[in-house]
Amino acid sequence: MVKSIDYKTHGTCSRMIHVEVEDGIIKNCSFVNGCPGNTLGISKIVVGMKAEDVINTFKGLKCGSKETSCPDQLACALASLSEQ
């Protein structure tokens, strides 16, 4: 079963994350806005990974002086998706 979410980010340059997960594995990930190289890189790296591993790796990462980051927001998106 494929689960997907369009997650509105908070506190980052990116504005939204679209992510699809099937049987706990990330199948698709894309960011709207943000630092193009970084968000594209994150999207490519996480495809094929277990959502749980991405949450554990990215949760709590900060971007400079911000309280969050695009990877942290992806962890939040995945966590909310797993609660559905």
C-alpha atoms as a PDB file:
ATOM      1  CA  MET A   1       0.000   0.000   0.000  1.00  0.00           C
ATOM      2  CA  VAL A   2       1.394   3.391  -1.036  1.00  0.00           C
ATOM      3  CA  LYS A   3       0.996   6.275   1.397  1.00  0.00           C
ATOM      4  CA  SER A   4       1.717   9.816   0.301  1.00  0.00           C
ATOM      5  CA  ILE A   5       1.725  13.259   1.836  1.00  0.00           C
ATOM      6  CA  ASP A   6       2.195  16.853   0.739  1.00  0.00           C
ATOM      7  CA  TYR A   7       3.736  18.210   3.926  1.00  0.00           C
ATOM      8  CA  LYS A   8       3.769  21.975   4.484  1.00  0.00           C
ATOM      9  CA  THR A   9       7.153  22.778   6.004  1.00  0.00           C
ATOM     10  CA  HIS A  10       7.782  25.230   8.840  1.00  0.00           C
ATOM     11  CA  GLY A  11      10.911  27.319   9.459  1.00  0.00           C
ATOM     12  CA  THR A  12      12.764  26.396   6.249  1.00  0.00           C
ATOM     13  CA  CYS A  13      13.350  27.856   2.796  1.00  0.00           C
ATOM     14  CA  SER A  14      11.481  24.923   1.285  1.00  0.00           C
ATOM     15  CA  ARG A  15       7.711  25.330   1.417  1.00  0.00           C
ATOM     16  CA  MET A  16       6.453  21.791   0.906  1.00  0.00           C
ATOM     17  CA  ILE A  17       7.665  18.197   0.699  1.00  0.00           C
ATOM     18  CA  HIS A  18       5.930  15.503  -1.334  1.00  0.00           C
ATOM     19  CA  VAL A  19       6.830  12.008  -0.221  1.00  0.00           C
ATOM     20  CA  GLU A  20       5.511   8.550  -1.072  1.00  0.00           C
ATOM     21  CA  VAL A  21       6.176   5.459   1.053  1.00  0.00           C
ATOM     22  CA  GLU A  22       5.329   1.853   0.210  1.00  0.00           C
ATOM     23  CA  ASP A  23       5.747  -0.885   2.802  1.00  0.00           C
ATOM     24  CA  GLY A  24       8.001   1.373   4.869  1.00  0.00           C
ATOM     25  CA  ILE A  25      10.323   2.227   1.932  1.00  0.00           C
ATOM     26  CA  ILE A  26      10.513   5.707   0.417  1.00  0.00           C
ATOM     27  CA  LYS A  27       9.538   5.517  -3.253  1.00  0.00           C
ATOM     28  CA  ASN A  28       9.469   9.226  -4.160  1.00  0.00           C
ATOM     29  CA  CYS A  29      10.515  12.474  -2.514  1.00  0.00           C
ATOM     30  CA  SER A  30      10.561  16.061  -3.771  1.00  0.00           C
ATOM     31  CA  PHE A  31      10.817  19.515  -2.232  1.00  0.00           C
ATOM     32  CA  VAL A  32       9.165  22.764  -3.316  1.00  0.00           C
ATOM     33  CA  ASN A  33      11.684  25.637  -3.093  1.00  0.00           C
ATOM     34  CA  GLY A  34      14.678  25.445  -0.769  1.00  0.00           C
ATOM     35  CA  CYS A  35      18.339  25.160  -1.770  1.00  0.00           C
ATOM     36  CA  PRO A  36      18.076  23.326  -5.122  1.00  0.00           C
ATOM     37  CA  GLY A  37      21.250  21.259  -4.849  1.00  0.00           C
ATOM     38  CA  ASN A  38      20.651  20.247  -1.256  1.00  0.00           C
ATOM     39  CA  THR A  39      16.979  19.380  -1.595  1.00  0.00           C
ATOM     40  CA  LEU A  40      17.571  17.482  -4.842  1.00  0.00           C
ATOM     41  CA  GLY A  41      20.428  15.603  -3.180  1.00  0.00           C
ATOM     42  CA  ILE A  42      18.313  14.725  -0.144  1.00  0.00           C
ATOM     43  CA  SER A  43      15.504  13.540  -2.433  1.00  0.00           C
ATOM     44  CA  LYS A  44      17.827  11.255  -4.404  1.00  0.00           C
ATOM     45  CA  ILE A  45      19.560   9.842  -1.318  1.00  0.00           C
ATOM     46  CA  VAL A  46      16.407   8.840   0.558  1.00  0.00           C
ATOM     47  CA  VAL A  47      14.639   6.985  -2.274  1.00  0.00           C
ATOM     48  CA  GLY A  48      14.937   3.279  -1.488  1.00  0.00           C
ATOM     49  CA  MET A  49      15.657   3.841   2.206  1.00  0.00           C
ATOM     50  CA  LYS A  50      13.464   2.773   5.100  1.00  0.00           C
ATOM     51  CA  ALA A  51      11.374   5.705   6.296  1.00  0.00           C
ATOM     52  CA  GLU A  52      12.246   4.800   9.891  1.00  0.00           C
ATOM     53  CA  ASP A  53      15.987   5.085   9.144  1.00  0.00           C
ATOM     54  CA  VAL A  54      15.518   8.506   7.527  1.00  0.00           C
ATOM     55  CA  ILE A  55      13.497   9.711  10.521  1.00  0.00           C
ATOM     56  CA  ASN A  56      16.172   8.520  12.955  1.00  0.00           C
ATOM     57  CA  THR A  57      18.993  10.067  10.899  1.00  0.00           C
ATOM     58  CA  PHE A  58      17.454  13.448  10.033  1.00  0.00           C
ATOM     59  CA  LYS A  59      15.311  14.219  13.088  1.00  0.00           C
ATOM     60  CA  GLY A  60      16.559  17.274  14.974  1.00  0.00           C
ATOM     61  CA  LEU A  61      19.067  18.518  12.374  1.00  0.00           C
ATOM     62  CA  LYS A  62      19.291  22.302  12.253  1.00  0.00           C
ATOM     63  CA  CYS A  63      20.172  24.661   9.400  1.00  0.00           C
ATOM     64  CA  GLY A  64      22.473  27.366  10.715  1.00  0.00           C
ATOM     65  CA  SER A  65      20.719  29.250  13.487  1.00  0.00           C
ATOM     66  CA  LYS A  66      17.269  27.922  12.531  1.00  0.00           C
ATOM     67  CA  GLU A  67      15.534  25.483  14.848  1.00  0.00           C
ATOM     68  CA  THR A  68      14.902  23.066  11.983  1.00  0.00           C
ATOM     69  CA  SER A  69      16.157  22.133   8.507  1.00  0.00           C
ATOM     70  CA  CYS A  70      14.860  20.560   5.317  1.00  0.00           C
ATOM     71  CA  PRO A  71      16.078  17.107   6.448  1.00  0.00           C
ATOM     72  CA  ASP A  72      14.395  17.618   9.845  1.00  0.00           C
ATOM     73  CA  GLN A  73      11.168  18.645   8.113  1.00  0.00           C
ATOM     74  CA  LEU A  74      11.375  15.495   5.961  1.00  0.00           C
ATOM     75  CA  ALA A  75      11.656  13.474   9.180  1.00  0.00           C
ATOM     76  CA  CYS A  76       8.538  15.273  10.467  1.00  0.00           C
ATOM     77  CA  ALA A  77       6.687  14.538   7.227  1.00  0.00           C
ATOM     78  CA  LEU A  78       7.597  10.858   7.386  1.00  0.00           C
ATOM     79  CA  ALA A  79       6.646  10.638  11.057  1.00  0.00           C
ATOM     80  CA  SER A  80       3.225  12.146  10.350  1.00  0.00           C
ATOM     81  CA  LEU A  81       2.766   9.786   7.408  1.00  0.00           C
ATOM     82  CA  SER A  82       3.548   6.759   9.565  1.00  0.00           C
ATOM     83  CA  GLU A  83       0.846   7.899  12.022  1.00  0.00           C
ATOM     84  CA  GLN A  84      -1.821   7.715   9.306  1.00  0.00           C
END
